[in-house]
Amino acid sequence: YWRKFNALHGFIVEHLNNGVDDCKPIPLNLDDLKTIYNQLVKTFKENNPELLPPTAGFYFGNTLTDEYYWLDVSDAIKTLEEIINMEDADVYYEYQASW
């Protein structure tokens, strides 16, 4: 659960759902989670929010790359790291925005 992490939302929609943002579930496999994780890590290591830019929209929250943005990036890295390292790689995942 990521509340108001619009940069992550934008990345998932653009890169894993062909740019379609319709509030429907987006199925994610382990490779998709690794793609997201790698983008987050690269953004964090390079301290470059242009690699994961905020996405503007109604109810999308702040579009600044302030301390909250970096906290969201860091928290998402930790969460995805735990999921990726789980024993059962055949679990079904999905992302769904609710706004």
PDB file of N, CA and C in Angstrom:
ATOM      1  N   TYR A   1       0.845  -1.171   0.000  1.00  0.00           N
ATOM      2  CA  TYR A   1       0.000   0.000   0.000  1.00  0.00           C
ATOM      3  C   TYR A   1       0.891   1.234   0.000  1.00  0.00           C
ATOM      4  N   TRP A   2       0.717   2.052  -1.038  1.00  0.00           N
ATOM      5  CA  TRP A   2       1.447   3.310  -1.109  1.00  0.00           C
ATOM      6  C   TRP A   2       0.450   4.435  -1.306  1.00  0.00           C
ATOM      7  N   ARG A   3       0.278   5.246  -0.297  1.00  0.00           N
ATOM      8  CA  ARG A   3      -0.667   6.351  -0.387  1.00  0.00           C
ATOM      9  C   ARG A   3       0.028   7.576  -0.962  1.00  0.00           C
ATOM     10  N   LYS A   4      -0.539   8.084  -2.042  1.00  0.00           N
ATOM     11  CA  LYS A   4      -0.087   9.323  -2.675  1.00  0.00           C
ATOM     12  C   LYS A   4       1.339   9.236  -3.231  1.00  0.00           C
ATOM     13  N   PHE A   5       1.826   8.050  -3.528  1.00  0.00           N
ATOM     14  CA  PHE A   5       3.146   7.911  -4.164  1.00  0.00           C
ATOM     15  C   PHE A   5       2.917   7.939  -5.671  1.00  0.00           C
ATOM     16  N   ASN A   6       2.614   9.139  -6.151  1.00  0.00           N
ATOM     17  CA  ASN A   6       2.216   9.300  -7.538  1.00  0.00           C
ATOM     18  C   ASN A   6       3.322   8.973  -8.534  1.00  0.00           C
ATOM     19  N   ALA A   7       4.574   9.102  -8.138  1.00  0.00           N
ATOM     20  CA  ALA A   7       5.685   8.757  -9.035  1.00  0.00           C
ATOM     21  C   ALA A   7       5.682   7.254  -9.326  1.00  0.00           C
ATOM     22  N   LEU A   8       5.435   6.460  -8.311  1.00  0.00           N
ATOM     23  CA  LEU A   8       5.357   5.009  -8.499  1.00  0.00           C
ATOM     24  C   LEU A   8       4.149   4.659  -9.361  1.00  0.00           C
ATOM     25  N   HIS A   9       3.043   5.308  -9.102  1.00  0.00           N
ATOM     26  CA  HIS A   9       1.842   5.089  -9.906  1.00  0.00           C
ATOM     27  C   HIS A   9       2.122   5.376 -11.378  1.00  0.00           C
ATOM     28  N   GLY A  10       2.724   6.521 -11.648  1.00  0.00           N
ATOM     29  CA  GLY A  10       3.025   6.891 -13.025  1.00  0.00           C
ATOM     30  C   GLY A  10       3.941   5.888 -13.710  1.00  0.00           C
ATOM     31  N   PHE A  11       4.942   5.396 -12.992  1.00  0.00           N
ATOM     32  CA  PHE A  11       5.860   4.421 -13.562  1.00  0.00           C
ATOM     33  C   PHE A  11       5.138   3.125 -13.903  1.00  0.00           C
ATOM     34  N   ILE A  12       4.331   2.633 -12.993  1.00  0.00           N
ATOM     35  CA  ILE A  12       3.605   1.381 -13.225  1.00  0.00           C
ATOM     36  C   ILE A  12       2.659   1.529 -14.409  1.00  0.00           C
ATOM     37  N   VAL A  13       1.917   2.608 -14.452  1.00  0.00           N
ATOM     38  CA  VAL A  13       0.970   2.826 -15.551  1.00  0.00           C
ATOM     39  C   VAL A  13       1.710   2.912 -16.885  1.00  0.00           C
ATOM     40  N   GLU A  14       2.763   3.719 -16.941  1.00  0.00           N
ATOM     41  CA  GLU A  14       3.478   3.928 -18.207  1.00  0.00           C
ATOM     42  C   GLU A  14       4.252   2.699 -18.666  1.00  0.00           C
ATOM     43  N   HIS A  15       4.913   2.034 -17.753  1.00  0.00           N
ATOM     44  CA  HIS A  15       5.835   0.962 -18.133  1.00  0.00           C
ATOM     45  C   HIS A  15       5.242  -0.445 -18.058  1.00  0.00           C
ATOM     46  N   LEU A  16       4.158  -0.613 -17.299  1.00  0.00           N
ATOM     47  CA  LEU A  16       3.620  -1.955 -17.127  1.00  0.00           C
ATOM     48  C   LEU A  16       2.147  -2.075 -17.522  1.00  0.00           C
ATOM     49  N   ASN A  17       1.552  -0.968 -17.961  1.00  0.00           N
ATOM     50  CA  ASN A  17       0.149  -1.011 -18.375  1.00  0.00           C
ATOM     51  C   ASN A  17      -0.099  -0.178 -19.633  1.00  0.00           C
ATOM     52  N   ASN A  18       0.927  -0.031 -20.434  1.00  0.00           N
ATOM     53  CA  ASN A  18       0.811   0.668 -21.724  1.00  0.00           C
ATOM     54  C   ASN A  18       0.199   2.056 -21.618  1.00  0.00           C
ATOM     55  N   GLY A  19       0.443   2.743 -20.510  1.00  0.00           N
ATOM     56  CA  GLY A  19      -0.041   4.101 -20.348  1.00  0.00           C
ATOM     57  C   GLY A  19      -1.512   4.222 -20.018  1.00  0.00           C
ATOM     58  N   VAL A  20      -2.195   3.106 -19.793  1.00  0.00           N
ATOM     59  CA  VAL A  20      -3.629   3.122 -19.508  1.00  0.00           C
ATOM     60  C   VAL A  20      -3.843   3.257 -17.997  1.00  0.00           C
ATOM     61  N   ASP A  21      -4.488   4.345 -17.606  1.00  0.00           N
ATOM     62  CA  ASP A  21      -4.751   4.632 -16.197  1.00  0.00           C
ATOM     63  C   ASP A  21      -6.263   4.646 -15.981  1.00  0.00           C
ATOM     64  N   ASP A  22      -6.824   3.492 -15.643  1.00  0.00           N
ATOM     65  CA  ASP A  22      -8.279   3.371 -15.558  1.00  0.00           C
ATOM     66  C   ASP A  22      -8.786   2.802 -14.233  1.00  0.00           C
ATOM     67  N   CYS A  23      -7.959   2.817 -13.200  1.00  0.00           N
ATOM     68  CA  CYS A  23      -8.324   2.326 -11.864  1.00  0.00           C
ATOM     69  C   CYS A  23      -8.601   0.823 -11.818  1.00  0.00           C
ATOM     70  N   LYS A  24      -8.310   0.112 -12.868  1.00  0.00           N
ATOM     71  CA  LYS A  24      -8.496  -1.335 -12.866  1.00  0.00           C
ATOM     72  C   LYS A  24      -7.207  -2.007 -12.374  1.00  0.00           C
ATOM     73  N   PRO A  25      -7.308  -3.212 -11.832  1.00  0.00           N
ATOM     74  CA  PRO A  25      -6.108  -3.924 -11.380  1.00  0.00           C
ATOM     75  C   PRO A  25      -5.124  -4.146 -12.535  1.00  0.00           C
ATOM     76  N   ILE A  26      -3.853  -3.975 -12.231  1.00  0.00           N
ATOM     77  CA  ILE A  26      -2.773  -4.228 -13.187  1.00  0.00           C
ATOM     78  C   ILE A  26      -2.017  -5.449 -12.674  1.00  0.00           C
ATOM     79  N   PRO A  27      -2.080  -6.568 -13.385  1.00  0.00           N
ATOM     80  CA  PRO A  27      -1.355  -7.759 -12.933  1.00  0.00           C
ATOM     81  C   PRO A  27       0.150  -7.533 -13.007  1.00  0.00           C
ATOM     82  N   LEU A  28       0.841  -7.996 -11.982  1.00  0.00           N
ATOM     83  CA  LEU A  28       2.293  -7.866 -11.911  1.00  0.00           C
ATOM     84  C   LEU A  28       2.903  -9.219 -11.589  1.00  0.00           C
ATOM     85  N   ASN A  29       3.899  -9.615 -12.366  1.00  0.00           N
ATOM     86  CA  ASN A  29       4.626 -10.835 -12.038  1.00  0.00           C
ATOM     87  C   ASN A  29       5.933 -10.460 -11.339  1.00  0.00           C
ATOM     88  N   LEU A  30       6.707 -11.442 -10.985  1.00  0.00           N
ATOM     89  CA  LEU A  30       7.944 -11.189 -10.259  1.00  0.00           C
ATOM     90  C   LEU A  30       8.903 -10.325 -11.075  1.00  0.00           C
ATOM     91  N   ASP A  31       8.970 -10.537 -12.376  1.00  0.00           N
ATOM     92  CA  ASP A  31       9.838  -9.707 -13.217  1.00  0.00           C
ATOM     93  C   ASP A  31       9.386  -8.249 -13.209  1.00  0.00           C
ATOM     94  N   ASP A  32       8.074  -8.026 -13.202  1.00  0.00           N
ATOM     95  CA  ASP A  32       7.557  -6.656 -13.118  1.00  0.00           C
ATOM     96  C   ASP A  32       7.978  -5.997 -11.806  1.00  0.00           C
ATOM     97  N   LEU A  33       7.873  -6.747 -10.712  1.00  0.00           N
ATOM     98  CA  LEU A  33       8.280  -6.213  -9.413  1.00  0.00           C
ATOM     99  C   LEU A  33       9.764  -5.880  -9.403  1.00  0.00           C
ATOM    100  N   LYS A  34      10.564  -6.714 -10.053  1.00  0.00           N
ATOM    101  CA  LYS A  34      12.003  -6.440 -10.153  1.00  0.00           C
ATOM    102  C   LYS A  34      12.274  -5.197 -10.996  1.00  0.00           C
ATOM    103  N   THR A  35      11.490  -4.998 -12.039  1.00  0.00           N
ATOM    104  CA  THR A  35      11.628  -3.793 -12.871  1.00  0.00           C
ATOM    105  C   THR A  35      11.355  -2.543 -12.042  1.00  0.00           C
ATOM    106  N   ILE A  36      10.285  -2.583 -11.270  1.00  0.00           N
ATOM    107  CA  ILE A  36       9.942  -1.455 -10.402  1.00  0.00           C
ATOM    108  C   ILE A  36      11.045  -1.236  -9.376  1.00  0.00           C
ATOM    109  N   TYR A  37      11.458  -2.307  -8.740  1.00  0.00           N
ATOM    110  CA  TYR A  37      12.510  -2.244  -7.716  1.00  0.00           C
ATOM    111  C   TYR A  37      13.788  -1.635  -8.292  1.00  0.00           C
ATOM    112  N   ASN A  38      14.212  -2.116  -9.444  1.00  0.00           N
ATOM    113  CA  ASN A  38      15.449  -1.615 -10.053  1.00  0.00           C
ATOM    114  C   ASN A  38      15.355  -0.127 -10.378  1.00  0.00           C
ATOM    115  N   GLN A  39      14.189   0.325 -10.826  1.00  0.00           N
ATOM    116  CA  GLN A  39      14.014   1.750 -11.115  1.00  0.00           C
ATOM    117  C   GLN A  39      14.073   2.578  -9.838  1.00  0.00           C
ATOM    118  N   LEU A  40      13.469   2.074  -8.788  1.00  0.00           N
ATOM    119  CA  LEU A  40      13.523   2.762  -7.498  1.00  0.00           C
ATOM    120  C   LEU A  40      14.959   2.860  -6.982  1.00  0.00           C
ATOM    121  N   VAL A  41      15.680   1.754  -7.046  1.00  0.00           N
ATOM    122  CA  VAL A  41      17.063   1.730  -6.564  1.00  0.00           C
ATOM    123  C   VAL A  41      17.929   2.685  -7.384  1.00  0.00           C
ATOM    124  N   LYS A  42      17.776   2.649  -8.693  1.00  0.00           N
ATOM    125  CA  LYS A  42      18.562   3.533  -9.558  1.00  0.00           C
ATOM    126  C   LYS A  42      18.252   5.003  -9.242  1.00  0.00           C
ATOM    127  N   THR A  43      16.987   5.310  -9.064  1.00  0.00           N
ATOM    128  CA  THR A  43      16.575   6.676  -8.728  1.00  0.00           C
ATOM    129  C   THR A  43      17.214   7.114  -7.416  1.00  0.00           C
ATOM    130  N   PHE A  44      17.178   6.220  -6.422  1.00  0.00           N
ATOM    131  CA  PHE A  44      17.724   6.535  -5.100  1.00  0.00           C
ATOM    132  C   PHE A  44      19.248   6.679  -5.138  1.00  0.00           C
ATOM    133  N   LYS A  45      19.919   5.724  -5.762  1.00  0.00           N
ATOM    134  CA  LYS A  45      21.391   5.753  -5.802  1.00  0.00           C
ATOM    135  C   LYS A  45      21.934   6.953  -6.565  1.00  0.00           C
ATOM    136  N   GLU A  46      21.252   7.311  -7.635  1.00  0.00           N
ATOM    137  CA  GLU A  46      21.702   8.446  -8.443  1.00  0.00           C
ATOM    138  C   GLU A  46      21.134   9.774  -7.944  1.00  0.00           C
ATOM    139  N   ASN A  47      20.274   9.695  -6.906  1.00  0.00           N
ATOM    140  CA  ASN A  47      19.630  10.879  -6.357  1.00  0.00           C
ATOM    141  C   ASN A  47      19.028  11.724  -7.484  1.00  0.00           C
ATOM    142  N   ASN A  48      18.321  11.018  -8.384  1.00  0.00           N
ATOM    143  CA  ASN A  48      17.815  11.645  -9.595  1.00  0.00           C
ATOM    144  C   ASN A  48      16.317  11.392  -9.751  1.00  0.00           C
ATOM    145  N   PRO A  49      15.483  12.305  -9.265  1.00  0.00           N
ATOM    146  CA  PRO A  49      14.042  12.110  -9.368  1.00  0.00           C
ATOM    147  C   PRO A  49      13.516  12.125 -10.809  1.00  0.00           C
ATOM    148  N   GLU A  50      14.327  12.557 -11.748  1.00  0.00           N
ATOM    149  CA  GLU A  50      13.896  12.518 -13.150  1.00  0.00           C
ATOM    150  C   GLU A  50      13.750  11.081 -13.654  1.00  0.00           C
ATOM    151  N   LEU A  51      14.378  10.128 -12.956  1.00  0.00           N
ATOM    152  CA  LEU A  51      14.253   8.718 -13.325  1.00  0.00           C
ATOM    153  C   LEU A  51      12.919   8.135 -12.867  1.00  0.00           C
ATOM    154  N   LEU A  52      12.283   8.786 -11.918  1.00  0.00           N
ATOM    155  CA  LEU A  52      10.981   8.370 -11.400  1.00  0.00           C
ATOM    156  C   LEU A  52      10.206   9.651 -11.064  1.00  0.00           C
ATOM    157  N   PRO A  53       9.782  10.362 -12.102  1.00  0.00           N
ATOM    158  CA  PRO A  53       9.186  11.682 -11.872  1.00  0.00           C
ATOM    159  C   PRO A  53       7.798  11.602 -11.247  1.00  0.00           C
ATOM    160  N   PRO A  54       7.476  12.569 -10.401  1.00  0.00           N
ATOM    161  CA  PRO A  54       6.116  12.647  -9.864  1.00  0.00           C
ATOM    162  C   PRO A  54       5.098  12.773 -10.995  1.00  0.00           C
ATOM    163  N   THR A  55       3.924  12.232 -10.749  1.00  0.00           N
ATOM    164  CA  THR A  55       2.835  12.274 -11.714  1.00  0.00           C
ATOM    165  C   THR A  55       1.727  13.143 -11.144  1.00  0.00           C
ATOM    166  N   ALA A  56       1.328  14.144 -11.900  1.00  0.00           N
ATOM    167  CA  ALA A  56       0.266  15.036 -11.451  1.00  0.00           C
ATOM    168  C   ALA A  56      -1.090  14.448 -11.812  1.00  0.00           C
ATOM    169  N   GLY A  57      -2.069  14.751 -10.995  1.00  0.00           N
ATOM    170  CA  GLY A  57      -3.429  14.312 -11.270  1.00  0.00           C
ATOM    171  C   GLY A  57      -4.328  14.622 -10.099  1.00  0.00           C
ATOM    172  N   PHE A  58      -5.611  14.515 -10.342  1.00  0.00           N
ATOM    173  CA  PHE A  58      -6.600  14.770  -9.311  1.00  0.00           C
ATOM    174  C   PHE A  58      -6.426  13.763  -8.174  1.00  0.00           C
ATOM    175  N   TYR A  59      -6.323  14.221  -6.967  1.00  0.00           N
ATOM    176  CA  TYR A  59      -6.100  13.395  -5.772  1.00  0.00           C
ATOM    177  C   TYR A  59      -4.732  12.729  -5.741  1.00  0.00           C
ATOM    178  N   PHE A  60      -3.796  13.160  -6.588  1.00  0.00           N
ATOM    179  CA  PHE A  60      -2.491  12.515  -6.641  1.00  0.00           C
ATOM    180  C   PHE A  60      -1.510  13.052  -5.614  1.00  0.00           C
ATOM    181  N   GLY A  61      -1.864  14.095  -4.923  1.00  0.00           N
ATOM    182  CA  GLY A  61      -0.996  14.622  -3.883  1.00  0.00           C
ATOM    183  C   GLY A  61       0.136  15.473  -4.434  1.00  0.00           C
ATOM    184  N   ASN A  62       1.112  15.663  -3.612  1.00  0.00           N
ATOM    185  CA  ASN A  62       2.267  16.513  -3.849  1.00  0.00           C
ATOM    186  C   ASN A  62       3.097  16.032  -5.046  1.00  0.00           C
ATOM    187  N   THR A  63       3.560  16.957  -5.867  1.00  0.00           N
ATOM    188  CA  THR A  63       4.437  16.594  -6.980  1.00  0.00           C
ATOM    189  C   THR A  63       5.854  17.114  -6.769  1.00  0.00           C
ATOM    190  N   LEU A  64       6.167  17.487  -5.547  1.00  0.00           N
ATOM    191  CA  LEU A  64       7.521  17.924  -5.226  1.00  0.00           C
ATOM    192  C   LEU A  64       8.414  16.706  -4.985  1.00  0.00           C
ATOM    193  N   THR A  65       9.686  16.884  -5.215  1.00  0.00           N
ATOM    194  CA  THR A  65      10.641  15.815  -4.880  1.00  0.00           C
ATOM    195  C   THR A  65      11.350  16.216  -3.585  1.00  0.00           C
ATOM    196  N   ASP A  66      10.554  16.294  -2.547  1.00  0.00           N
ATOM    197  CA  ASP A  66      11.025  16.700  -1.235  1.00  0.00           C
ATOM    198  C   ASP A  66      11.361  15.478  -0.379  1.00  0.00           C
ATOM    199  N   GLU A  67      11.494  15.678   0.916  1.00  0.00           N
ATOM    200  CA  GLU A  67      11.856  14.567   1.805  1.00  0.00           C
ATOM    201  C   GLU A  67      10.804  13.467   1.796  1.00  0.00           C
ATOM    202  N   TYR A  68       9.536  13.795   1.564  1.00  0.00           N
ATOM    203  CA  TYR A  68       8.478  12.784   1.518  1.00  0.00           C
ATOM    204  C   TYR A  68       8.603  11.903   0.271  1.00  0.00           C
ATOM    205  N   TYR A  69       9.000  12.508  -0.818  1.00  0.00           N
ATOM    206  CA  TYR A  69       9.252  11.742  -2.043  1.00  0.00           C
ATOM    207  C   TYR A  69      10.340  10.699  -1.783  1.00  0.00           C
ATOM    208  N   TRP A  70      11.456  11.153  -1.199  1.00  0.00           N
ATOM    209  CA  TRP A  70      12.581  10.240  -0.961  1.00  0.00           C
ATOM    210  C   TRP A  70      12.241   9.186   0.092  1.00  0.00           C
ATOM    211  N   LEU A  71      11.414   9.532   1.049  1.00  0.00           N
ATOM    212  CA  LEU A  71      10.951   8.543   2.028  1.00  0.00           C
ATOM    213  C   LEU A  71      10.093   7.486   1.341  1.00  0.00           C
ATOM    214  N   ASP A  72       9.220   7.904   0.428  1.00  0.00           N
ATOM    215  CA  ASP A  72       8.409   6.958  -0.341  1.00  0.00           C
ATOM    216  C   ASP A  72       9.283   6.033  -1.171  1.00  0.00           C
ATOM    217  N   VAL A  73      10.295   6.587  -1.810  1.00  0.00           N
ATOM    218  CA  VAL A  73      11.218   5.770  -2.618  1.00  0.00           C
ATOM    219  C   VAL A  73      11.906   4.742  -1.723  1.00  0.00           C
ATOM    220  N   SER A  74      12.437   5.194  -0.613  1.00  0.00           N
ATOM    221  CA  SER A  74      13.143   4.310   0.313  1.00  0.00           C
ATOM    222  C   SER A  74      12.224   3.212   0.864  1.00  0.00           C
ATOM    223  N   ASP A  75      11.023   3.578   1.270  1.00  0.00           N
ATOM    224  CA  ASP A  75      10.071   2.598   1.800  1.00  0.00           C
ATOM    225  C   ASP A  75       9.672   1.571   0.742  1.00  0.00           C
ATOM    226  N   ALA A  76       9.466   2.030  -0.476  1.00  0.00           N
ATOM    227  CA  ALA A  76       9.086   1.112  -1.561  1.00  0.00           C
ATOM    228  C   ALA A  76      10.222   0.136  -1.867  1.00  0.00           C
ATOM    229  N   ILE A  77      11.451   0.609  -1.816  1.00  0.00           N
ATOM    230  CA  ILE A  77      12.603  -0.274  -2.026  1.00  0.00           C
ATOM    231  C   ILE A  77      12.591  -1.388  -0.982  1.00  0.00           C
ATOM    232  N   LYS A  78      12.417  -1.026   0.267  1.00  0.00           N
ATOM    233  CA  LYS A  78      12.411  -2.019   1.349  1.00  0.00           C
ATOM    234  C   LYS A  78      11.274  -3.022   1.178  1.00  0.00           C
ATOM    235  N   THR A  79      10.097  -2.535   0.869  1.00  0.00           N
ATOM    236  CA  THR A  79       8.934  -3.411   0.703  1.00  0.00           C
ATOM    237  C   THR A  79       9.138  -4.378  -0.459  1.00  0.00           C
ATOM    238  N   LEU A  80       9.561  -3.853  -1.601  1.00  0.00           N
ATOM    239  CA  LEU A  80       9.751  -4.721  -2.768  1.00  0.00           C
ATOM    240  C   LEU A  80      10.903  -5.698  -2.561  1.00  0.00           C
ATOM    241  N   GLU A  81      11.921  -5.277  -1.848  1.00  0.00           N
ATOM    242  CA  GLU A  81      13.032  -6.175  -1.527  1.00  0.00           C
ATOM    243  C   GLU A  81      12.528  -7.384  -0.745  1.00  0.00           C
ATOM    244  N   GLU A  82      11.677  -7.147   0.228  1.00  0.00           N
ATOM    245  CA  GLU A  82      11.103  -8.238   1.016  1.00  0.00           C
ATOM    246  C   GLU A  82      10.273  -9.172   0.139  1.00  0.00           C
ATOM    247  N   ILE A  83       9.461  -8.601  -0.724  1.00  0.00           N
ATOM    248  CA  ILE A  83       8.606  -9.422  -1.592  1.00  0.00           C
ATOM    249  C   ILE A  83       9.445 -10.241  -2.563  1.00  0.00           C
ATOM    250  N   ILE A  84      10.404  -9.615  -3.192  1.00  0.00           N
ATOM    251  CA  ILE A  84      11.246 -10.292  -4.184  1.00  0.00           C
ATOM    252  C   ILE A  84      12.034 -11.426  -3.548  1.00  0.00           C
ATOM    253  N   ASN A  85      12.435 -11.251  -2.311  1.00  0.00           N
ATOM    254  CA  ASN A  85      13.245 -12.270  -1.635  1.00  0.00           C
ATOM    255  C   ASN A  85      12.429 -13.362  -0.954  1.00  0.00           C
ATOM    256  N   MET A  86      11.119 -13.311  -1.086  1.00  0.00           N
ATOM    257  CA  MET A  86      10.281 -14.358  -0.500  1.00  0.00           C
ATOM    258  C   MET A  86      10.518 -15.676  -1.221  1.00  0.00           C
ATOM    259  N   GLU A  87      10.279 -16.745  -0.546  1.00  0.00           N
ATOM    260  CA  GLU A  87      10.496 -18.086  -1.099  1.00  0.00           C
ATOM    261  C   GLU A  87       9.568 -18.403  -2.269  1.00  0.00           C
ATOM    262  N   ASP A  88       8.304 -18.018  -2.157  1.00  0.00           N
ATOM    263  CA  ASP A  88       7.303 -18.399  -3.142  1.00  0.00           C
ATOM    264  C   ASP A  88       7.225 -17.364  -4.258  1.00  0.00           C
ATOM    265  N   ALA A  89       7.874 -17.641  -5.366  1.00  0.00           N
ATOM    266  CA  ALA A  89       7.924 -16.709  -6.488  1.00  0.00           C
ATOM    267  C   ALA A  89       6.694 -16.809  -7.383  1.00  0.00           C
ATOM    268  N   ASP A  90       5.810 -17.767  -7.120  1.00  0.00           N
ATOM    269  CA  ASP A  90       4.644 -17.967  -7.969  1.00  0.00           C
ATOM    270  C   ASP A  90       3.385 -17.280  -7.439  1.00  0.00           C
ATOM    271  N   VAL A  91       3.545 -16.373  -6.507  1.00  0.00           N
ATOM    272  CA  VAL A  91       2.414 -15.656  -5.945  1.00  0.00           C
ATOM    273  C   VAL A  91       1.945 -14.606  -6.955  1.00  0.00           C
ATOM    274  N   TYR A  92       0.631 -14.372  -7.014  1.00  0.00           N
ATOM    275  CA  TYR A  92       0.055 -13.382  -7.913  1.00  0.00           C
ATOM    276  C   TYR A  92       0.040 -12.016  -7.228  1.00  0.00           C
ATOM    277  N   TYR A  93       0.465 -11.009  -7.956  1.00  0.00           N
ATOM    278  CA  TYR A  93       0.449  -9.642  -7.444  1.00  0.00           C
ATOM    279  C   TYR A  93      -0.345  -8.771  -8.399  1.00  0.00           C
ATOM    280  N   GLU A  94      -0.897  -7.708  -7.860  1.00  0.00           N
ATOM    281  CA  GLU A  94      -1.538  -6.730  -8.724  1.00  0.00           C
ATOM    282  C   GLU A  94      -1.415  -5.350  -8.085  1.00  0.00           C
ATOM    283  N   TYR A  95      -1.460  -4.367  -8.936  1.00  0.00           N
ATOM    284  CA  TYR A  95      -1.460  -2.973  -8.494  1.00  0.00           C
ATOM    285  C   TYR A  95      -2.794  -2.377  -8.915  1.00  0.00           C
ATOM    286  N   GLN A  96      -3.398  -1.633  -8.009  1.00  0.00           N
ATOM    287  CA  GLN A  96      -4.641  -0.967  -8.360  1.00  0.00           C
ATOM    288  C   GLN A  96      -4.686   0.393  -7.668  1.00  0.00           C
ATOM    289  N   ALA A  97      -4.891   1.414  -8.460  1.00  0.00           N
ATOM    290  CA  ALA A  97      -5.053   2.743  -7.911  1.00  0.00           C
ATOM    291  C   ALA A  97      -6.516   2.969  -7.574  1.00  0.00           C
ATOM    292  N   SER A  98      -6.729   3.700  -6.516  1.00  0.00           N
ATOM    293  CA  SER A  98      -8.088   4.031  -6.112  1.00  0.00           C
ATOM    294  C   SER A  98      -8.125   5.522  -5.838  1.00  0.00           C
ATOM    295  N   TRP A  99      -8.746   6.242  -6.729  1.00  0.00           N
ATOM    296  CA  TRP A  99      -8.835   7.693  -6.542  1.00  0.00           C
ATOM    297  C   TRP A  99     -10.171   8.202  -6.965  1.00  0.00           C
TER     298      TRP A  99
END
